[in-house]
Amino acid sequence: MGQPRIVVGVDGTRTSFSALRVAIEEARLRRLPLHIVVAWQLASPDIAVETPPVVEHIVRHNEQILEQALNMIDEYDSARVMVSGELVNGDPVATLRTAAEGSMMLVVGTGGDRRRDESSIGSVAHELVHQAPCPVLVVPE
Protein backbone atom coordinates (compact mmCIF):
# COMPACT_ATOMS: atom_id res chain seq x y z
CA MET A 1 0.00 0.00 0.00
CA GLY A 2 1.22 3.45 -0.90
CA GLN A 3 0.67 6.82 0.65
CA PRO A 4 -2.71 7.38 2.33
CA ARG A 5 -5.23 9.20 0.17
CA ILE A 6 -8.83 10.36 0.00
CA VAL A 7 -11.03 8.31 -2.33
CA VAL A 8 -14.29 9.66 -3.72
CA GLY A 9 -16.97 7.88 -5.72
CA VAL A 10 -18.57 9.90 -8.49
CA ASP A 11 -21.48 8.72 -10.64
CA GLY A 12 -22.62 11.93 -12.30
CA THR A 13 -25.41 12.75 -9.83
CA ARG A 14 -25.62 16.04 -7.96
CA THR A 15 -24.96 14.26 -4.68
CA SER A 16 -21.79 12.67 -6.03
CA PHE A 17 -20.51 16.07 -7.18
CA SER A 18 -21.33 17.44 -3.71
CA ALA A 19 -19.24 14.58 -2.32
CA LEU A 20 -16.44 15.50 -4.72
CA ARG A 21 -16.40 19.11 -3.48
CA VAL A 22 -16.12 17.87 0.11
CA ALA A 23 -13.41 15.36 -0.87
CA ILE A 24 -11.40 18.12 -2.58
CA GLU A 25 -11.53 20.17 0.61
CA GLU A 26 -10.61 17.18 2.80
CA ALA A 27 -7.65 16.35 0.55
CA ARG A 28 -6.51 19.97 0.56
CA LEU A 29 -6.79 20.33 4.34
CA ARG A 30 -5.07 17.01 5.03
CA ARG A 31 -2.50 17.50 2.24
CA LEU A 32 -3.33 14.12 0.77
CA PRO A 33 -3.80 12.95 -2.81
CA LEU A 34 -7.36 12.58 -4.08
CA HIS A 35 -8.44 9.55 -6.09
CA ILE A 36 -11.70 9.81 -8.08
CA VAL A 37 -13.48 6.56 -8.95
CA VAL A 38 -16.26 6.29 -11.51
CA ALA A 39 -17.67 2.75 -11.37
CA TRP A 40 -20.34 1.40 -13.67
CA GLN A 41 -21.71 -2.06 -14.25
CA LEU A 42 -23.60 -3.63 -17.12
CA ALA A 43 -26.92 -5.20 -16.14
CA SER A 44 -25.85 -8.32 -18.04
CA PRO A 45 -22.52 -9.36 -19.60
CA ASP A 46 -24.48 -10.42 -22.69
CA ILE A 47 -25.06 -6.74 -23.47
CA ALA A 48 -21.39 -6.36 -24.39
CA VAL A 49 -21.66 -9.16 -26.94
CA GLU A 50 -25.14 -8.41 -28.26
CA THR A 51 -25.02 -4.61 -28.43
CA PRO A 52 -21.47 -3.21 -28.57
CA PRO A 53 -22.73 0.31 -29.48
CA VAL A 54 -24.67 0.43 -26.19
CA VAL A 55 -21.51 -0.44 -24.27
CA GLU A 56 -19.54 2.20 -26.20
CA HIS A 57 -22.19 4.76 -25.27
CA ILE A 58 -22.03 3.75 -21.59
CA VAL A 59 -18.24 3.98 -21.57
CA ARG A 60 -18.28 7.41 -23.27
CA HIS A 61 -20.89 8.64 -20.81
CA ASN A 62 -18.78 7.54 -17.82
CA GLU A 63 -15.62 9.01 -19.37
CA GLN A 64 -17.49 12.32 -19.54
CA ILE A 65 -18.41 12.01 -15.85
CA LEU A 66 -14.75 11.46 -14.96
CA GLU A 67 -13.71 14.38 -17.16
CA GLN A 68 -16.31 16.62 -15.50
CA ALA A 69 -15.03 15.55 -12.07
CA LEU A 70 -11.43 16.30 -13.04
CA ASN A 71 -12.50 19.71 -14.37
CA MET A 72 -14.12 20.46 -11.00
CA ILE A 73 -10.72 20.06 -9.37
CA ASP A 74 -9.41 23.03 -11.36
CA GLU A 75 -12.51 25.04 -10.46
CA TYR A 76 -12.48 24.37 -6.69
CA ASP A 77 -8.84 23.71 -5.89
CA SER A 78 -6.48 26.64 -5.78
CA ALA A 79 -3.87 24.70 -3.76
CA ARG A 80 -3.52 22.05 -6.46
CA VAL A 81 -4.33 18.77 -4.77
CA MET A 82 -2.61 15.81 -6.44
CA VAL A 83 -5.41 13.97 -8.28
CA SER A 84 -5.82 10.62 -9.98
CA GLY A 85 -8.90 9.08 -11.48
CA GLU A 86 -10.12 5.78 -12.76
CA LEU A 87 -13.06 4.46 -14.71
CA VAL A 88 -14.02 0.92 -13.68
CA ASN A 89 -16.51 -1.51 -15.15
CA GLY A 90 -17.54 -3.24 -11.95
CA ASP A 91 -19.89 -3.31 -9.02
CA PRO A 92 -19.71 0.17 -7.44
CA VAL A 93 -19.62 -1.13 -3.84
CA ALA A 94 -16.87 -3.68 -4.52
CA THR A 95 -14.91 -1.23 -6.68
CA LEU A 96 -15.01 1.57 -4.11
CA ARG A 97 -14.27 -0.83 -1.26
CA THR A 98 -11.14 -2.03 -3.10
CA ALA A 99 -10.08 1.52 -4.04
CA ALA A 100 -10.42 2.58 -0.40
CA GLU A 101 -7.99 -0.03 0.94
CA GLY A 102 -5.20 1.84 2.72
CA SER A 103 -7.00 5.16 2.31
CA MET A 104 -7.54 7.80 4.97
CA MET A 105 -11.19 8.25 3.99
CA LEU A 106 -13.83 7.27 1.43
CA VAL A 107 -16.29 10.00 0.43
CA VAL A 108 -19.61 9.25 -1.27
CA GLY A 109 -22.87 11.06 -1.86
CA THR A 110 -26.12 10.01 -0.23
CA GLY A 111 -27.55 8.71 -3.50
CA GLY A 112 -30.88 6.99 -3.36
CA ASP A 113 -34.26 8.50 -4.18
CA ARG A 114 -34.35 11.39 -1.71
CA ARG A 115 -37.96 12.18 -2.65
CA ARG A 116 -39.05 8.74 -1.48
CA ASP A 117 -37.44 8.81 1.96
CA GLU A 118 -35.54 11.78 3.34
CA SER A 119 -33.70 9.53 5.80
CA SER A 120 -32.40 7.05 3.21
CA ILE A 121 -28.81 7.26 2.04
CA GLY A 122 -28.98 4.96 -0.96
CA SER A 123 -27.83 1.39 -1.28
CA VAL A 124 -24.22 2.04 -2.34
CA ALA A 125 -23.55 4.47 0.52
CA HIS A 126 -25.34 2.16 2.98
CA GLU A 127 -23.25 -0.86 1.95
CA LEU A 128 -20.01 1.11 2.06
CA VAL A 129 -20.69 2.45 5.54
CA HIS A 130 -20.78 -1.19 6.67
CA GLN A 131 -18.06 -2.67 4.43
CA ALA A 132 -15.40 -0.06 3.67
CA PRO A 133 -11.90 -0.63 5.04
CA CYS A 134 -11.62 3.00 6.18
CA PRO A 135 -13.88 5.75 7.56
CA VAL A 136 -16.70 6.74 5.18
CA LEU A 137 -18.02 10.28 4.88
CA VAL A 138 -21.52 10.33 3.36
CA VAL A 139 -22.32 13.75 1.94
CA PRO A 140 -25.87 15.00 1.31
CA GLU A 141 -26.65 17.05 -1.79
C-alpha atoms as a PDB file:
ATOM      1  CA  MET A   1       0.000   0.000   0.000  1.00  0.00           C
ATOM      2  CA  GLY A   2       1.220   3.447  -0.897  1.00  0.00           C
ATOM      3  CA  GLN A   3       0.667   6.823   0.647  1.00  0.00           C
ATOM      4  CA  PRO A   4      -2.714   7.385   2.328  1.00  0.00           C
ATOM      5  CA  ARG A   5      -5.233   9.200   0.167  1.00  0.00           C
ATOM      6  CA  ILE A   6      -8.828  10.361   0.002  1.00  0.00           C
ATOM      7  CA  VAL A   7     -11.028   8.308  -2.332  1.00  0.00           C
ATOM      8  CA  VAL A   8     -14.290   9.663  -3.724  1.00  0.00           C
ATOM      9  CA  GLY A   9     -16.968   7.880  -5.715  1.00  0.00           C
ATOM     10  CA  VAL A  10     -18.566   9.902  -8.495  1.00  0.00           C
ATOM     11  CA  ASP A  11     -21.484   8.720 -10.639  1.00  0.00           C
ATOM     12  CA  GLY A  12     -22.624  11.928 -12.298  1.00  0.00           C
ATOM     13  CA  THR A  13     -25.406  12.748  -9.833  1.00  0.00           C
ATOM     14  CA  ARG A  14     -25.616  16.040  -7.962  1.00  0.00           C
ATOM     15  CA  THR A  15     -24.965  14.259  -4.677  1.00  0.00           C
ATOM     16  CA  SER A  16     -21.791  12.666  -6.034  1.00  0.00           C
ATOM     17  CA  PHE A  17     -20.508  16.066  -7.180  1.00  0.00           C
ATOM     18  CA  SER A  18     -21.325  17.441  -3.713  1.00  0.00           C
ATOM     19  CA  ALA A  19     -19.240  14.579  -2.318  1.00  0.00           C
ATOM     20  CA  LEU A  20     -16.440  15.504  -4.725  1.00  0.00           C
ATOM     21  CA  ARG A  21     -16.396  19.108  -3.478  1.00  0.00           C
ATOM     22  CA  VAL A  22     -16.121  17.875   0.113  1.00  0.00           C
ATOM     23  CA  ALA A  23     -13.415  15.359  -0.875  1.00  0.00           C
ATOM     24  CA  ILE A  24     -11.401  18.117  -2.583  1.00  0.00           C
ATOM     25  CA  GLU A  25     -11.532  20.175   0.609  1.00  0.00           C
ATOM     26  CA  GLU A  26     -10.610  17.177   2.803  1.00  0.00           C
ATOM     27  CA  ALA A  27      -7.645  16.351   0.548  1.00  0.00           C
ATOM     28  CA  ARG A  28      -6.515  19.974   0.559  1.00  0.00           C
ATOM     29  CA  LEU A  29      -6.792  20.335   4.342  1.00  0.00           C
ATOM     30  CA  ARG A  30      -5.072  17.007   5.033  1.00  0.00           C
ATOM     31  CA  ARG A  31      -2.496  17.503   2.242  1.00  0.00           C
ATOM     32  CA  LEU A  32      -3.331  14.119   0.765  1.00  0.00           C
ATOM     33  CA  PRO A  33      -3.797  12.953  -2.810  1.00  0.00           C
ATOM     34  CA  LEU A  34      -7.357  12.585  -4.080  1.00  0.00           C
ATOM     35  CA  HIS A  35      -8.442   9.548  -6.093  1.00  0.00           C
ATOM     36  CA  ILE A  36     -11.696   9.808  -8.080  1.00  0.00           C
ATOM     37  CA  VAL A  37     -13.477   6.560  -8.948  1.00  0.00           C
ATOM     38  CA  VAL A  38     -16.264   6.290 -11.511  1.00  0.00           C
ATOM     39  CA  ALA A  39     -17.666   2.746 -11.370  1.00  0.00           C
ATOM     40  CA  TRP A  40     -20.344   1.401 -13.666  1.00  0.00           C
ATOM     41  CA  GLN A  41     -21.708  -2.062 -14.247  1.00  0.00           C
ATOM     42  CA  LEU A  42     -23.600  -3.634 -17.118  1.00  0.00           C
ATOM     43  CA  ALA A  43     -26.915  -5.197 -16.144  1.00  0.00           C
ATOM     44  CA  SER A  44     -25.849  -8.317 -18.042  1.00  0.00           C
ATOM     45  CA  PRO A  45     -22.517  -9.357 -19.597  1.00  0.00           C
ATOM     46  CA  ASP A  46     -24.478 -10.423 -22.689  1.00  0.00           C
ATOM     47  CA  ILE A  47     -25.063  -6.741 -23.472  1.00  0.00           C
ATOM     48  CA  ALA A  48     -21.391  -6.365 -24.395  1.00  0.00           C
ATOM     49  CA  VAL A  49     -21.665  -9.163 -26.945  1.00  0.00           C
ATOM     50  CA  GLU A  50     -25.142  -8.408 -28.257  1.00  0.00           C
ATOM     51  CA  THR A  51     -25.017  -4.609 -28.427  1.00  0.00           C
ATOM     52  CA  PRO A  52     -21.466  -3.207 -28.566  1.00  0.00           C
ATOM     53  CA  PRO A  53     -22.733   0.306 -29.481  1.00  0.00           C
ATOM     54  CA  VAL A  54     -24.675   0.427 -26.194  1.00  0.00           C
ATOM     55  CA  VAL A  55     -21.509  -0.436 -24.269  1.00  0.00           C
ATOM     56  CA  GLU A  56     -19.537   2.197 -26.204  1.00  0.00           C
ATOM     57  CA  HIS A  57     -22.191   4.759 -25.274  1.00  0.00           C
ATOM     58  CA  ILE A  58     -22.034   3.748 -21.589  1.00  0.00           C
ATOM     59  CA  VAL A  59     -18.235   3.977 -21.567  1.00  0.00           C
ATOM     60  CA  ARG A  60     -18.276   7.414 -23.266  1.00  0.00           C
ATOM     61  CA  HIS A  61     -20.888   8.641 -20.806  1.00  0.00           C
ATOM     62  CA  ASN A  62     -18.779   7.539 -17.823  1.00  0.00           C
ATOM     63  CA  GLU A  63     -15.619   9.012 -19.370  1.00  0.00           C
ATOM     64  CA  GLN A  64     -17.487  12.322 -19.539  1.00  0.00           C
ATOM     65  CA  ILE A  65     -18.412  12.014 -15.855  1.00  0.00           C
ATOM     66  CA  LEU A  66     -14.746  11.458 -14.958  1.00  0.00           C
ATOM     67  CA  GLU A  67     -13.708  14.382 -17.159  1.00  0.00           C
ATOM     68  CA  GLN A  68     -16.309  16.624 -15.503  1.00  0.00           C
ATOM     69  CA  ALA A  69     -15.030  15.553 -12.071  1.00  0.00           C
ATOM     70  CA  LEU A  70     -11.433  16.302 -13.038  1.00  0.00           C
ATOM     71  CA  ASN A  71     -12.502  19.712 -14.368  1.00  0.00           C
ATOM     72  CA  MET A  72     -14.121  20.462 -11.001  1.00  0.00           C
ATOM     73  CA  ILE A  73     -10.716  20.059  -9.373  1.00  0.00           C
ATOM     74  CA  ASP A  74      -9.413  23.033 -11.359  1.00  0.00           C
ATOM     75  CA  GLU A  75     -12.511  25.042 -10.456  1.00  0.00           C
ATOM     76  CA  TYR A  76     -12.483  24.368  -6.694  1.00  0.00           C
ATOM     77  CA  ASP A  77      -8.845  23.709  -5.886  1.00  0.00           C
ATOM     78  CA  SER A  78      -6.481  26.638  -5.785  1.00  0.00           C
ATOM     79  CA  ALA A  79      -3.872  24.704  -3.761  1.00  0.00           C
ATOM     80  CA  ARG A  80      -3.524  22.053  -6.464  1.00  0.00           C
ATOM     81  CA  VAL A  81      -4.326  18.772  -4.765  1.00  0.00           C
ATOM     82  CA  MET A  82      -2.615  15.808  -6.439  1.00  0.00           C
ATOM     83  CA  VAL A  83      -5.412  13.973  -8.278  1.00  0.00           C
ATOM     84  CA  SER A  84      -5.825  10.622  -9.977  1.00  0.00           C
ATOM     85  CA  GLY A  85      -8.904   9.080 -11.478  1.00  0.00           C
ATOM     86  CA  GLU A  86     -10.117   5.780 -12.763  1.00  0.00           C
ATOM     87  CA  LEU A  87     -13.062   4.460 -14.707  1.00  0.00           C
ATOM     88  CA  VAL A  88     -14.022   0.923 -13.678  1.00  0.00           C
ATOM     89  CA  ASN A  89     -16.505  -1.507 -15.154  1.00  0.00           C
ATOM     90  CA  GLY A  90     -17.538  -3.242 -11.955  1.00  0.00           C
ATOM     91  CA  ASP A  91     -19.886  -3.305  -9.023  1.00  0.00           C
ATOM     92  CA  PRO A  92     -19.707   0.174  -7.438  1.00  0.00           C
ATOM     93  CA  VAL A  93     -19.618  -1.132  -3.844  1.00  0.00           C
ATOM     94  CA  ALA A  94     -16.866  -3.682  -4.523  1.00  0.00           C
ATOM     95  CA  THR A  95     -14.915  -1.225  -6.684  1.00  0.00           C
ATOM     96  CA  LEU A  96     -15.013   1.571  -4.109  1.00  0.00           C
ATOM     97  CA  ARG A  97     -14.268  -0.832  -1.257  1.00  0.00           C
ATOM     98  CA  THR A  98     -11.145  -2.029  -3.102  1.00  0.00           C
ATOM     99  CA  ALA A  99     -10.083   1.519  -4.044  1.00  0.00           C
ATOM    100  CA  ALA A 100     -10.422   2.580  -0.399  1.00  0.00           C
ATOM    101  CA  GLU A 101      -7.986  -0.027   0.941  1.00  0.00           C
ATOM    102  CA  GLY A 102      -5.196   1.835   2.717  1.00  0.00           C
ATOM    103  CA  SER A 103      -7.005   5.163   2.311  1.00  0.00           C
ATOM    104  CA  MET A 104      -7.539   7.798   4.969  1.00  0.00           C
ATOM    105  CA  MET A 105     -11.195   8.246   3.991  1.00  0.00           C
ATOM    106  CA  LEU A 106     -13.829   7.275   1.429  1.00  0.00           C
ATOM    107  CA  VAL A 107     -16.286  10.000   0.433  1.00  0.00           C
ATOM    108  CA  VAL A 108     -19.613   9.250  -1.275  1.00  0.00           C
ATOM    109  CA  GLY A 109     -22.874  11.063  -1.860  1.00  0.00           C
ATOM    110  CA  THR A 110     -26.122  10.006  -0.233  1.00  0.00           C
ATOM    111  CA  GLY A 111     -27.546   8.715  -3.496  1.00  0.00           C
ATOM    112  CA  GLY A 112     -30.883   6.989  -3.360  1.00  0.00           C
ATOM    113  CA  ASP A 113     -34.260   8.504  -4.176  1.00  0.00           C
ATOM    114  CA  ARG A 114     -34.349  11.392  -1.712  1.00  0.00           C
ATOM    115  CA  ARG A 115     -37.957  12.179  -2.648  1.00  0.00           C
ATOM    116  CA  ARG A 116     -39.049   8.743  -1.475  1.00  0.00           C
ATOM    117  CA  ASP A 117     -37.443   8.811   1.957  1.00  0.00           C
ATOM    118  CA  GLU A 118     -35.543  11.779   3.339  1.00  0.00           C
ATOM    119  CA  SER A 119     -33.703   9.530   5.796  1.00  0.00           C
ATOM    120  CA  SER A 120     -32.399   7.053   3.210  1.00  0.00           C
ATOM    121  CA  ILE A 121     -28.807   7.261   2.036  1.00  0.00           C
ATOM    122  CA  GLY A 122     -28.975   4.962  -0.960  1.00  0.00           C
ATOM    123  CA  SER A 123     -27.827   1.386  -1.281  1.00  0.00           C
ATOM    124  CA  VAL A 124     -24.216   2.039  -2.339  1.00  0.00           C
ATOM    125  CA  ALA A 125     -23.555   4.475   0.525  1.00  0.00           C
ATOM    126  CA  HIS A 126     -25.337   2.161   2.978  1.00  0.00           C
ATOM    127  CA  GLU A 127     -23.252  -0.857   1.952  1.00  0.00           C
ATOM    128  CA  LEU A 128     -20.006   1.110   2.056  1.00  0.00           C
ATOM    129  CA  VAL A 129     -20.689   2.452   5.541  1.00  0.00           C
ATOM    130  CA  HIS A 130     -20.785  -1.191   6.668  1.00  0.00           C
ATOM    131  CA  GLN A 131     -18.065  -2.668   4.428  1.00  0.00           C
ATOM    132  CA  ALA A 132     -15.402  -0.061   3.672  1.00  0.00           C
ATOM    133  CA  PRO A 133     -11.895  -0.635   5.044  1.00  0.00           C
ATOM    134  CA  CYS A 134     -11.622   3.004   6.178  1.00  0.00           C
ATOM    135  CA  PRO A 135     -13.884   5.748   7.561  1.00  0.00           C
ATOM    136  CA  VAL A 136     -16.703   6.740   5.183  1.00  0.00           C
ATOM    137  CA  LEU A 137     -18.021  10.277   4.875  1.00  0.00           C
ATOM    138  CA  VAL A 138     -21.524  10.327   3.357  1.00  0.00           C
ATOM    139  CA  VAL A 139     -22.316  13.752   1.937  1.00  0.00           C
ATOM    140  CA  PRO A 140     -25.865  14.995   1.313  1.00  0.00           C
ATOM    141  CA  GLU A 141     -26.654  17.049  -1.786  1.00  0.00           C
END
